[in-house]
Amino acid sequence: MTLALLSSRLGARQAALEYQWMKRATSGLPLDEMLARRVAGEPLQYILGDQPFGPLTIKLRPPVLIPRPETEHWTIRLAELLRPPTRTGCIPLLLCHLLPAGTVRARGVDISSDAVKLAGENAALCGFSASVAGSTRNTFQPIQASFLDPLFPHKNLGVDPPFDLVVSNPPYISWAEYLELPPSVTHYEDPKALFGVARKGFLNPGAVVAVEVGDGQADRVQEIFHDLIVSPTSTVAIPWTQLIRLDLGFIPSVSACLSIMSGCPKLESCNLIVDPAQGLLPSLPIVLPVLTSLELHIRADELASLLDRAVFPALTSITLYVQEAFDDHASWPQTSFVDFLSRSKCALARLELHDTGVQPTQFIECLQHEGVRGIGELVIHDSRDWTWDPVITPRLVQLLTLPSSDAPTPTPDSSESGHLLPALRTLDLGKGCWTCPGGLLSHMIESRWRTTARDVARLERVHVDLHLLEDVYGPDHTRLEKLREEGMKVRITYFHD
């Protein structure tokens, strides 16, 4: 019955082939179990536990990437072209087999502990383990390391550069293509990204850099390498450790995002668009001691993963564009956000939020946190208009309203000095983010424009979107126009803008 299901999935011919391979498998697993796993969509290579790669047999298990035929093909072609010297090499296991004995000392670097462990087993299986003495043998040693480590490669490789050959099989599938891949790939294989650098002295003169790329990407990758001046005379191709500003679009995962940030200790400004989290997350928080500005475009359910592993003590400005927070208020990571502020002990001067899904009571809690007490600019936008519960409610507006000079100073639930956001000078409220009947919003704005309190800044610049027809002809519009005449910098937009 299971074989019939497999035939319906793969076709009779392919199912028959795979059935014969399973019968000859040396894994010792029951045939019915192997068939059931294959019908469920698990890759055959993981079920069998190994795969031919050239003349070698390579062990396999999830989540380590399955070698593709095209990788085998270009590796063999590379071996046919090489005339390697007898000095330090950096080439994969298959090159150890194909090239003359005693000419290769290979180092394989991967950030994944699973991949490194499996590579070590394969090195022993194929007879190229570096732990076995013998100067006439080719050897291969896998090492867990990050290319973003400021000390790479001296600290991790156990052999100093320069190298004669660098071979890479980096991820080259775009996010759009990734979404179209079958579950047998996306549910089993590790999608983590790998980032490389080139430094002075890393390569020998005339060295070779071989990189596997996607269909139609070769010319563009060649241009990138030329732009980065990947050569022995370049100081740093991508100077991660020296970067003070970083703007990157479509980082493939939160894991990759944190990996990049961990390699940029001098980062002061960071703008990242982050795709859904995949891969292993760091066990310890990422600390960026001089990062002052952070902008994230990230899915609501992935924001917590990043905030839980970040410590940014110098942060003064944070901007969040939250994606897909439409259907569930619970997706806003309130605890993670508040804990991040407490752990970082930062003093924000600017906070900008877009489509976060934060509830009004949660937002009040955020604004009462000591880390946001010094905010001078607050920007809240919501593209969902009135179809979403507004985050700015009468309760918050009342907390932000300053008392008149003849009224008592303290305000319930406000900061220790009696006022919420005492440093606020700029307020930007986009459409759909507020609801305050009877001119309550403009009354708050006027109270902060006219304040004479010594411990409270004067509100100088305001943008308000009047997204309902009743607001356009109501007291808020009238009062804001009057404040503009008095010299306040007021910008009013309307529901049809």
Protein backbone atom coordinates (compact mmCIF):
# COMPACT_ATOMS: atom_id res chain seq x y z
CA MET A 1 0.00 0.00 0.00
CA THR A 2 2.82 2.41 0.90
CA LEU A 3 4.63 1.59 -2.36
CA ALA A 4 1.44 2.46 -4.24
CA LEU A 5 1.32 5.82 -2.44
CA LEU A 6 4.95 6.42 -3.35
CA SER A 7 4.17 5.67 -7.01
CA SER A 8 1.32 8.17 -6.95
CA ARG A 9 3.72 10.80 -5.62
CA LEU A 10 6.81 10.13 -7.73
CA GLY A 11 5.56 8.15 -10.70
CA ALA A 12 5.94 4.40 -11.16
CA ARG A 13 9.47 4.47 -12.63
CA GLN A 14 11.03 6.74 -10.01
CA ALA A 15 9.22 4.93 -7.19
CA ALA A 16 10.56 1.59 -8.43
CA LEU A 17 14.12 2.93 -8.52
CA GLU A 18 13.90 4.38 -5.03
CA TYR A 19 12.31 1.16 -3.75
CA GLN A 20 15.31 -0.84 -4.98
CA TRP A 21 17.73 1.63 -3.37
CA MET A 22 15.89 1.35 -0.06
CA LYS A 23 16.03 -2.47 -0.23
CA ARG A 24 19.82 -2.27 -0.69
CA ALA A 25 20.28 0.37 2.03
CA THR A 26 22.82 -0.35 4.75
CA SER A 27 21.12 1.82 7.36
CA GLY A 28 19.34 -1.18 8.89
CA LEU A 29 15.97 0.59 8.98
CA PRO A 30 12.82 -1.43 8.26
CA LEU A 31 11.71 -1.04 4.66
CA ASP A 32 8.18 -0.02 5.67
CA GLU A 33 9.57 2.79 7.82
CA MET A 34 11.74 4.08 4.96
CA LEU A 35 8.79 4.00 2.56
CA ALA A 36 6.55 5.85 5.02
CA ARG A 37 9.15 8.58 5.55
CA ARG A 38 9.59 8.98 1.80
CA VAL A 39 5.82 9.21 1.24
CA ALA A 40 5.74 11.93 3.92
CA GLY A 41 8.13 13.97 1.77
CA GLU A 42 11.49 13.40 3.48
CA PRO A 43 14.41 13.44 1.01
CA LEU A 44 15.64 9.99 0.02
CA GLN A 45 19.24 10.89 0.88
CA TYR A 46 18.36 11.48 4.54
CA ILE A 47 16.47 8.18 4.70
CA LEU A 48 19.33 6.17 3.15
CA GLY A 49 21.89 8.03 5.25
CA ASP A 50 24.43 8.47 2.46
CA GLN A 51 24.86 9.52 -1.16
CA PRO A 52 27.46 9.01 -3.89
CA PHE A 53 29.53 12.12 -4.60
CA GLY A 54 31.94 11.45 -7.41
CA PRO A 55 33.77 8.25 -6.44
CA LEU A 56 33.10 8.91 -2.75
CA THR A 57 30.19 7.91 -0.53
CA ILE A 58 29.15 10.80 1.72
CA LYS A 59 27.14 10.41 4.91
CA LEU A 60 24.01 12.55 5.17
CA ARG A 61 21.49 13.52 7.82
CA PRO A 62 19.23 16.55 8.38
CA PRO A 63 19.56 19.49 8.48
CA VAL A 64 22.89 19.42 6.60
CA LEU A 65 22.55 20.48 2.96
CA ILE A 66 22.30 17.65 0.43
CA PRO A 67 25.03 17.88 -2.28
CA ARG A 68 23.57 18.53 -5.72
CA PRO A 69 24.80 16.93 -8.97
CA GLU A 70 25.91 20.31 -10.31
CA THR A 71 28.18 20.78 -7.28
CA GLU A 72 29.78 17.40 -7.98
CA HIS A 73 30.21 18.35 -11.65
CA TRP A 74 32.01 21.66 -11.13
CA THR A 75 34.21 20.21 -8.38
CA ILE A 76 35.47 17.51 -10.73
CA ARG A 77 36.04 20.10 -13.49
CA LEU A 78 37.97 22.27 -11.05
CA ALA A 79 40.22 19.34 -10.16
CA GLU A 80 40.93 18.75 -13.87
CA LEU A 81 42.07 22.37 -14.26
CA LEU A 82 44.20 22.65 -11.11
CA ARG A 83 47.94 22.19 -10.84
CA PRO A 84 48.20 22.79 -7.09
CA PRO A 85 51.53 23.56 -5.41
CA THR A 86 52.64 21.59 -2.36
CA ARG A 87 51.80 24.47 0.01
CA THR A 88 48.67 25.18 2.07
CA GLY A 89 45.36 24.38 0.31
CA CYS A 90 41.71 25.03 1.08
CA ILE A 91 39.59 22.59 -0.93
CA PRO A 92 36.77 20.10 -0.21
CA LEU A 93 36.87 16.38 0.33
CA LEU A 94 36.39 15.41 -3.29
CA LEU A 95 39.45 17.40 -4.31
CA CYS A 96 41.42 15.46 -1.72
CA HIS A 97 40.45 12.30 -3.58
CA LEU A 98 40.95 13.61 -7.12
CA LEU A 99 44.25 15.47 -6.68
CA PRO A 100 47.72 13.90 -6.24
CA ALA A 101 48.50 12.54 -2.77
CA GLY A 102 50.42 14.88 -0.51
CA THR A 103 49.42 18.05 -2.37
CA VAL A 104 46.38 19.05 -0.33
CA ARG A 105 45.75 20.21 3.22
CA ALA A 106 42.10 21.27 3.20
CA ARG A 107 40.17 23.24 5.80
CA GLY A 108 36.36 23.34 5.69
CA VAL A 109 34.65 26.16 7.57
CA ASP A 110 30.98 26.14 8.56
CA ILE A 111 29.01 27.96 11.24
CA SER A 112 26.76 24.91 11.77
CA SER A 113 27.84 22.38 14.39
CA ASP A 114 25.73 19.73 12.62
CA ALA A 115 27.60 20.27 9.36
CA VAL A 116 31.03 20.26 11.04
CA LYS A 117 30.32 17.03 12.93
CA LEU A 118 29.06 15.28 9.80
CA ALA A 119 32.00 16.54 7.74
CA GLY A 120 34.41 15.08 10.30
CA GLU A 121 32.70 11.71 10.03
CA ASN A 122 32.95 11.86 6.24
CA ALA A 123 36.64 12.77 6.42
CA ALA A 124 37.28 9.64 8.49
CA LEU A 125 35.04 7.53 6.25
CA CYS A 126 36.89 8.62 3.09
CA GLY A 127 40.35 8.30 4.64
CA PHE A 128 41.30 11.98 4.67
CA SER A 129 40.99 12.81 8.36
CA ALA A 130 43.61 15.33 9.46
CA SER A 131 43.93 13.46 12.77
CA VAL A 132 45.75 10.61 11.02
CA ALA A 133 49.45 11.31 10.63
CA GLY A 134 51.11 10.92 7.26
CA SER A 135 52.84 13.54 5.12
CA THR A 136 52.10 11.69 1.88
CA ARG A 137 48.33 11.88 2.34
CA ASN A 138 45.83 14.56 1.44
CA THR A 139 43.92 15.68 4.54
CA PHE A 140 40.68 17.45 5.34
CA GLN A 141 39.75 19.13 8.62
CA PRO A 142 36.28 20.65 9.22
CA ILE A 143 36.15 23.58 11.63
CA GLN A 144 33.20 25.38 13.19
CA ALA A 145 33.80 29.10 12.73
CA SER A 146 32.23 32.30 11.47
CA PHE A 147 33.59 34.29 8.57
CA LEU A 148 32.38 37.35 10.49
CA ASP A 149 34.71 36.64 13.40
CA PRO A 150 37.13 39.62 13.52
CA LEU A 151 39.99 37.15 14.15
CA PHE A 152 39.11 34.84 11.26
CA PRO A 153 41.03 32.90 9.99
CA HIS A 154 44.01 32.94 12.39
CA LYS A 155 42.05 32.03 15.52
CA ASN A 156 39.93 29.29 14.01
CA LEU A 157 41.70 27.57 11.15
CA GLY A 158 44.80 26.33 12.93
CA VAL A 159 46.85 27.26 9.86
CA ASP A 160 47.81 30.74 8.80
CA PRO A 161 47.04 32.21 5.37
CA PRO A 162 47.82 32.84 2.56
CA PHE A 163 45.83 30.21 0.68
CA ASP A 164 46.13 28.92 -2.86
CA LEU A 165 42.48 28.11 -3.43
CA VAL A 166 39.16 29.19 -1.91
CA VAL A 167 36.07 27.17 -2.86
CA SER A 168 32.56 28.21 -1.84
CA ASN A 169 29.06 26.85 -2.33
CA PRO A 170 27.06 29.73 -0.81
CA PRO A 171 23.27 30.05 -0.72
CA TYR A 172 22.17 31.75 -3.92
CA ILE A 173 18.42 31.12 -3.97
CA SER A 174 16.37 34.30 -3.70
CA TRP A 175 13.56 34.58 -1.16
CA ALA A 176 10.97 34.53 -3.95
CA GLU A 177 12.47 31.30 -5.31
CA TYR A 178 12.72 29.82 -1.81
CA LEU A 179 8.98 30.18 -1.35
CA GLU A 180 8.44 28.06 -4.48
CA LEU A 181 10.68 25.19 -3.37
CA PRO A 182 9.05 21.86 -2.44
CA PRO A 183 8.59 20.93 1.24
CA SER A 184 11.20 18.19 0.82
CA VAL A 185 13.74 21.04 0.67
CA THR A 186 12.28 23.74 2.92
CA HIS A 187 11.21 21.39 5.74
CA TYR A 188 14.47 19.46 6.01
CA GLU A 189 17.53 21.35 4.75
CA ASP A 190 19.20 24.15 6.68
CA PRO A 191 18.77 27.52 4.85
CA LYS A 192 21.35 29.50 6.86
CA ALA A 193 23.35 32.07 4.91
CA LEU A 194 27.13 32.30 4.78
CA PHE A 195 28.97 35.60 4.43
CA GLY A 196 32.63 35.94 3.39
CA VAL A 197 35.38 38.50 3.48
CA ALA A 198 38.74 38.94 1.81
CA ARG A 199 41.71 40.43 3.61
CA LYS A 200 45.23 41.37 2.79
CA GLY A 201 47.37 38.25 2.84
CA PHE A 202 44.38 35.90 2.71
CA LEU A 203 45.17 34.68 -0.83
CA ASN A 204 48.38 33.82 -2.61
CA PRO A 205 49.24 35.73 -5.81
CA GLY A 206 47.44 33.97 -8.64
CA ALA A 207 45.13 32.12 -6.26
CA VAL A 208 41.77 30.76 -7.41
CA VAL A 209 38.35 31.61 -5.95
CA ALA A 210 35.63 29.17 -7.08
CA VAL A 211 32.03 29.98 -6.16
CA GLU A 212 28.86 28.09 -7.09
CA VAL A 213 26.07 30.44 -8.21
CA GLY A 214 22.50 30.20 -9.46
CA ASP A 215 21.41 30.06 -13.07
CA GLY A 216 21.95 33.44 -14.75
CA GLN A 217 23.91 34.90 -11.80
CA ALA A 218 27.49 34.34 -12.99
CA ASP A 219 28.01 37.72 -14.70
CA ARG A 220 26.56 39.64 -11.76
CA VAL A 221 28.64 37.71 -9.21
CA GLN A 222 31.75 38.41 -11.28
CA GLU A 223 30.91 42.12 -11.21
CA ILE A 224 30.47 41.98 -7.43
CA PHE A 225 33.87 40.35 -6.99
CA HIS A 226 35.47 43.03 -9.14
CA ASP A 227 33.69 45.76 -7.19
CA LEU A 228 34.92 44.29 -3.92
CA ILE A 229 38.50 43.98 -5.24
CA VAL A 230 38.89 40.43 -4.01
CA SER A 231 42.67 40.18 -4.39
CA PRO A 232 45.75 39.79 -2.23
CA THR A 233 46.33 43.55 -2.30
CA SER A 234 42.91 44.52 -0.95
CA THR A 235 42.67 45.38 2.73
CA VAL A 236 39.07 44.30 3.35
CA ALA A 237 36.49 43.42 0.70
CA ILE A 238 33.51 43.83 3.00
CA PRO A 239 34.83 45.57 6.12
CA TRP A 240 32.33 44.17 8.60
CA THR A 241 34.41 45.00 11.66
CA GLN A 242 34.85 48.62 10.54
CA LEU A 243 31.29 49.40 9.45
CA ILE A 244 29.53 52.23 11.24
CA ARG A 245 26.41 52.20 9.01
CA LEU A 246 24.69 49.20 7.47
CA ASP A 247 21.65 49.13 5.16
CA LEU A 248 20.70 45.67 3.89
CA GLY A 249 17.53 44.46 2.20
CA PHE A 250 15.94 41.03 2.54
CA ILE A 251 18.19 39.32 5.06
CA PRO A 252 17.10 35.67 4.74
CA SER A 253 16.58 35.06 8.46
CA VAL A 254 16.78 36.46 11.97
CA SER A 255 19.72 34.10 12.47
CA ALA A 256 21.62 35.67 9.56
CA CYS A 257 20.66 39.15 10.76
CA LEU A 258 22.11 38.51 14.22
CA SER A 259 25.20 36.91 12.70
CA ILE A 260 25.85 40.00 10.59
CA MET A 261 25.30 42.35 13.51
CA SER A 262 27.62 40.32 15.75
CA GLY A 263 30.42 40.92 13.26
CA CYS A 264 29.96 44.70 13.22
CA PRO A 265 31.08 45.90 16.68
CA LYS A 266 31.44 49.54 15.55
CA LEU A 267 27.96 49.76 14.03
CA GLU A 268 26.20 53.04 14.82
CA SER A 269 23.27 52.95 12.36
CA CYS A 270 21.52 49.82 11.12
CA ASN A 271 18.61 49.42 8.67
CA LEU A 272 17.62 45.81 7.96
CA ILE A 273 14.75 44.12 6.13
CA VAL A 274 14.44 40.67 7.69
CA ASP A 275 12.65 37.69 6.16
CA PRO A 276 11.15 34.87 8.29
CA ALA A 277 13.51 33.27 10.78
CA GLN A 278 15.31 30.12 9.71
CA GLY A 279 18.36 28.46 11.18
CA LEU A 280 19.96 28.37 14.59
CA LEU A 281 19.82 31.43 16.83
CA PRO A 282 22.77 32.44 19.02
CA SER A 283 22.67 31.23 22.62
CA LEU A 284 24.08 34.50 23.96
CA PRO A 285 22.82 38.06 23.28
CA ILE A 286 24.45 40.15 20.56
CA VAL A 287 25.98 43.31 22.07
CA LEU A 288 26.60 46.36 19.87
CA PRO A 289 28.06 48.96 22.24
CA VAL A 290 27.96 51.97 19.89
CA LEU A 291 24.79 51.33 17.87
CA THR A 292 22.62 54.45 18.12
CA SER A 293 20.08 53.98 15.31
CA LEU A 294 18.17 50.83 14.37
CA GLU A 295 15.51 50.36 11.68
CA LEU A 296 13.90 46.96 11.17
CA HIS A 297 11.44 45.70 8.56
CA ILE A 298 10.43 42.41 10.10
CA ARG A 299 7.53 40.03 10.52
CA ALA A 300 5.59 40.36 13.74
CA ASP A 301 6.28 36.79 14.85
CA GLU A 302 10.04 37.15 14.29
CA LEU A 303 10.57 40.45 16.11
CA ALA A 304 10.70 38.72 19.50
CA SER A 305 13.49 36.39 18.34
CA LEU A 306 15.67 39.36 17.50
CA LEU A 307 14.82 41.49 20.54
CA ASP A 308 15.44 38.58 22.91
CA ARG A 309 19.02 38.29 21.66
CA ALA A 310 20.02 41.96 21.40
CA VAL A 311 21.73 44.37 23.77
CA PHE A 312 22.18 47.90 22.39
CA PRO A 313 23.13 50.20 25.29
CA ALA A 314 23.83 53.28 23.13
CA LEU A 315 20.59 53.07 21.14
CA THR A 316 18.77 56.41 20.83
CA SER A 317 16.53 55.81 17.79
CA ILE A 318 14.46 52.77 16.86
CA THR A 319 12.11 52.38 13.87
CA LEU A 320 9.95 49.29 13.41
CA TYR A 321 8.00 48.37 10.28
CA VAL A 322 6.09 45.28 11.34
CA GLN A 323 4.83 42.97 8.61
CA GLU A 324 1.77 40.72 8.78
CA ALA A 325 0.48 41.91 12.16
CA PHE A 326 -3.03 42.20 10.72
CA ASP A 327 -4.95 39.41 12.38
CA ASP A 328 -3.57 38.93 15.86
CA HIS A 329 -2.89 41.54 18.55
CA ALA A 330 -0.91 38.91 20.44
CA SER A 331 1.78 38.98 17.73
CA TRP A 332 3.23 42.21 19.18
CA PRO A 333 6.09 40.99 21.46
CA GLN A 334 5.34 43.22 24.44
CA THR A 335 7.45 41.32 26.96
CA SER A 336 10.39 41.05 24.57
CA PHE A 337 10.27 44.77 23.75
CA VAL A 338 10.13 45.88 27.39
CA ASP A 339 12.81 43.38 28.41
CA PHE A 340 15.00 44.60 25.55
CA LEU A 341 14.77 48.17 26.84
CA SER A 342 15.57 47.05 30.39
CA ARG A 343 18.44 44.78 29.35
CA SER A 344 20.00 47.36 27.03
CA LYS A 345 19.56 50.22 29.54
CA CYS A 346 19.36 52.53 26.55
CA ALA A 347 17.88 56.03 26.53
CA LEU A 348 15.71 56.43 23.44
CA ALA A 349 15.30 59.89 21.94
CA ARG A 350 13.22 58.76 18.96
CA LEU A 351 10.60 56.03 18.54
CA GLU A 352 8.84 55.25 15.24
CA LEU A 353 6.30 52.44 14.88
CA HIS A 354 4.44 51.26 11.76
CA ASP A 355 1.62 48.69 11.86
CA THR A 356 2.86 47.02 15.03
CA GLY A 357 -0.45 45.68 16.33
CA VAL A 358 0.44 46.88 19.83
CA GLN A 359 -2.60 47.33 22.05
CA PRO A 360 -3.32 50.70 23.72
CA THR A 361 -2.57 49.42 27.24
CA GLN A 362 0.67 47.85 26.04
CA PHE A 363 1.72 51.08 24.35
CA ILE A 364 1.10 53.06 27.53
CA GLU A 365 3.30 50.56 29.40
CA CYS A 366 6.04 51.05 26.81
CA LEU A 367 5.89 54.84 27.11
CA GLN A 368 6.12 54.60 30.90
CA HIS A 369 9.39 52.67 30.69
CA GLU A 370 12.47 54.54 31.89
CA GLY A 371 14.21 53.81 28.60
CA VAL A 372 11.77 56.01 26.64
CA ARG A 373 11.43 58.84 29.15
CA GLY A 374 13.75 61.04 27.08
CA ILE A 375 11.92 60.59 23.77
CA GLY A 376 11.85 63.86 21.84
CA GLU A 377 10.21 62.50 18.68
CA LEU A 378 7.33 60.03 18.50
CA VAL A 379 6.04 58.70 15.15
CA ILE A 380 3.06 56.32 14.96
CA HIS A 381 1.58 55.23 11.62
CA ASP A 382 -1.00 52.57 10.80
CA SER A 383 -1.82 51.78 7.18
CA ARG A 384 -4.95 49.85 8.08
CA ASP A 385 -7.03 52.95 8.75
CA TRP A 386 -10.11 52.48 10.92
CA THR A 387 -10.26 48.71 10.37
CA TRP A 388 -7.78 48.29 13.22
CA ASP A 389 -8.06 49.23 16.89
CA PRO A 390 -6.22 52.57 17.19
CA VAL A 391 -3.22 52.60 19.52
CA ILE A 392 -3.69 56.27 20.53
CA THR A 393 -6.80 56.33 22.73
CA PRO A 394 -8.37 58.97 24.99
CA ARG A 395 -6.62 57.35 27.97
CA LEU A 396 -3.15 57.91 26.51
CA VAL A 397 -4.04 61.41 25.30
CA GLN A 398 -5.15 62.31 28.83
CA LEU A 399 -1.83 61.05 30.21
CA LEU A 400 0.04 63.19 27.68
CA THR A 401 -2.04 66.31 28.38
CA LEU A 402 -0.27 68.82 30.61
CA PRO A 403 -2.25 70.60 33.32
CA SER A 404 -2.82 74.33 33.09
CA SER A 405 -0.62 76.57 35.23
CA ASP A 406 -3.27 76.81 37.95
CA ALA A 407 -3.96 73.06 38.10
CA PRO A 408 -2.17 70.42 40.20
CA THR A 409 0.94 69.10 38.48
CA PRO A 410 0.84 65.31 39.03
CA THR A 411 -0.88 63.17 36.40
CA PRO A 412 -2.03 59.61 37.22
CA ASP A 413 0.16 56.78 35.87
CA SER A 414 2.73 59.22 34.52
CA SER A 415 6.47 59.35 35.12
CA GLU A 416 8.09 60.16 38.43
CA SER A 417 8.27 63.88 37.66
CA GLY A 418 4.51 63.92 37.07
CA HIS A 419 4.54 64.01 33.26
CA LEU A 420 4.62 61.37 30.54
CA LEU A 421 7.27 61.96 27.82
CA PRO A 422 8.51 65.26 29.26
CA ALA A 423 11.09 65.70 26.45
CA LEU A 424 8.58 65.38 23.57
CA ARG A 425 9.10 68.06 20.88
CA THR A 426 7.87 66.31 17.70
CA LEU A 427 4.69 64.25 17.32
CA ASP A 428 3.64 62.47 14.11
CA LEU A 429 0.31 60.61 14.12
CA GLY A 430 -0.58 58.97 10.81
CA LYS A 431 -3.98 57.80 9.68
CA GLY A 432 -5.76 55.12 11.60
CA CYS A 433 -3.57 55.24 14.70
CA TRP A 434 -5.72 57.48 16.93
CA THR A 435 -9.28 58.01 18.06
CA CYS A 436 -10.14 60.94 20.34
CA PRO A 437 -13.60 62.56 20.21
CA GLY A 438 -14.46 66.13 21.08
CA GLY A 439 -11.14 67.79 20.34
CA LEU A 440 -9.26 65.86 23.04
CA LEU A 441 -6.21 65.31 20.82
CA SER A 442 -5.75 68.96 19.85
CA HIS A 443 -6.29 69.97 23.48
CA MET A 444 -3.32 67.80 24.46
CA ILE A 445 -1.22 69.30 21.67
CA GLU A 446 -2.12 72.83 22.74
CA SER A 447 -1.28 72.06 26.38
CA ARG A 448 2.23 71.05 25.35
CA TRP A 449 2.61 74.07 23.05
CA ARG A 450 1.68 76.50 25.82
CA THR A 451 3.49 74.81 28.70
CA THR A 452 5.73 76.90 30.95
CA ALA A 453 6.82 73.99 33.14
CA ARG A 454 10.57 73.92 33.61
CA ASP A 455 10.83 70.13 33.47
CA VAL A 456 8.79 69.72 30.27
CA ALA A 457 9.88 70.49 26.70
CA ARG A 458 7.63 72.53 24.43
CA LEU A 459 5.92 70.60 21.64
CA GLU A 460 7.09 72.39 18.48
CA ARG A 461 6.25 70.18 15.50
CA VAL A 462 3.09 68.14 14.85
CA HIS A 463 1.70 66.04 12.02
CA VAL A 464 -1.86 64.76 12.40
CA ASP A 465 -3.88 62.81 9.86
CA LEU A 466 -7.59 63.61 10.05
CA HIS A 467 -8.77 60.27 8.72
CA LEU A 468 -12.48 60.61 9.53
CA LEU A 469 -14.86 63.08 7.93
CA GLU A 470 -16.04 64.30 11.34
CA ASP A 471 -12.44 65.22 12.23
CA VAL A 472 -12.05 67.42 9.16
CA TYR A 473 -14.88 69.69 10.29
CA GLY A 474 -14.41 69.18 14.03
CA PRO A 475 -12.63 71.03 16.85
CA ASP A 476 -9.27 69.33 16.25
CA HIS A 477 -8.92 70.89 12.81
CA THR A 478 -9.95 74.34 14.06
CA ARG A 479 -7.54 74.30 17.00
CA LEU A 480 -4.60 72.97 14.96
CA GLU A 481 -5.06 75.72 12.36
CA LYS A 482 -5.03 78.29 15.17
CA LEU A 483 -1.81 76.85 16.60
CA ARG A 484 -0.23 77.01 13.15
CA GLU A 485 -1.10 80.70 12.96
CA GLU A 486 0.63 81.19 16.31
CA GLY A 487 3.85 79.72 14.92
CA MET A 488 3.65 76.04 15.74
CA LYS A 489 4.88 73.82 12.89
CA VAL A 490 1.68 71.95 12.06
CA ARG A 491 1.08 69.61 9.12
CA ILE A 492 -2.43 68.30 8.56
CA THR A 493 -3.28 65.50 6.13
CA TYR A 494 -6.73 64.19 5.35
CA PHE A 495 -8.37 60.82 4.82
CA HIS A 496 -8.29 61.24 1.03
CA ASP A 497 -4.57 62.21 0.82
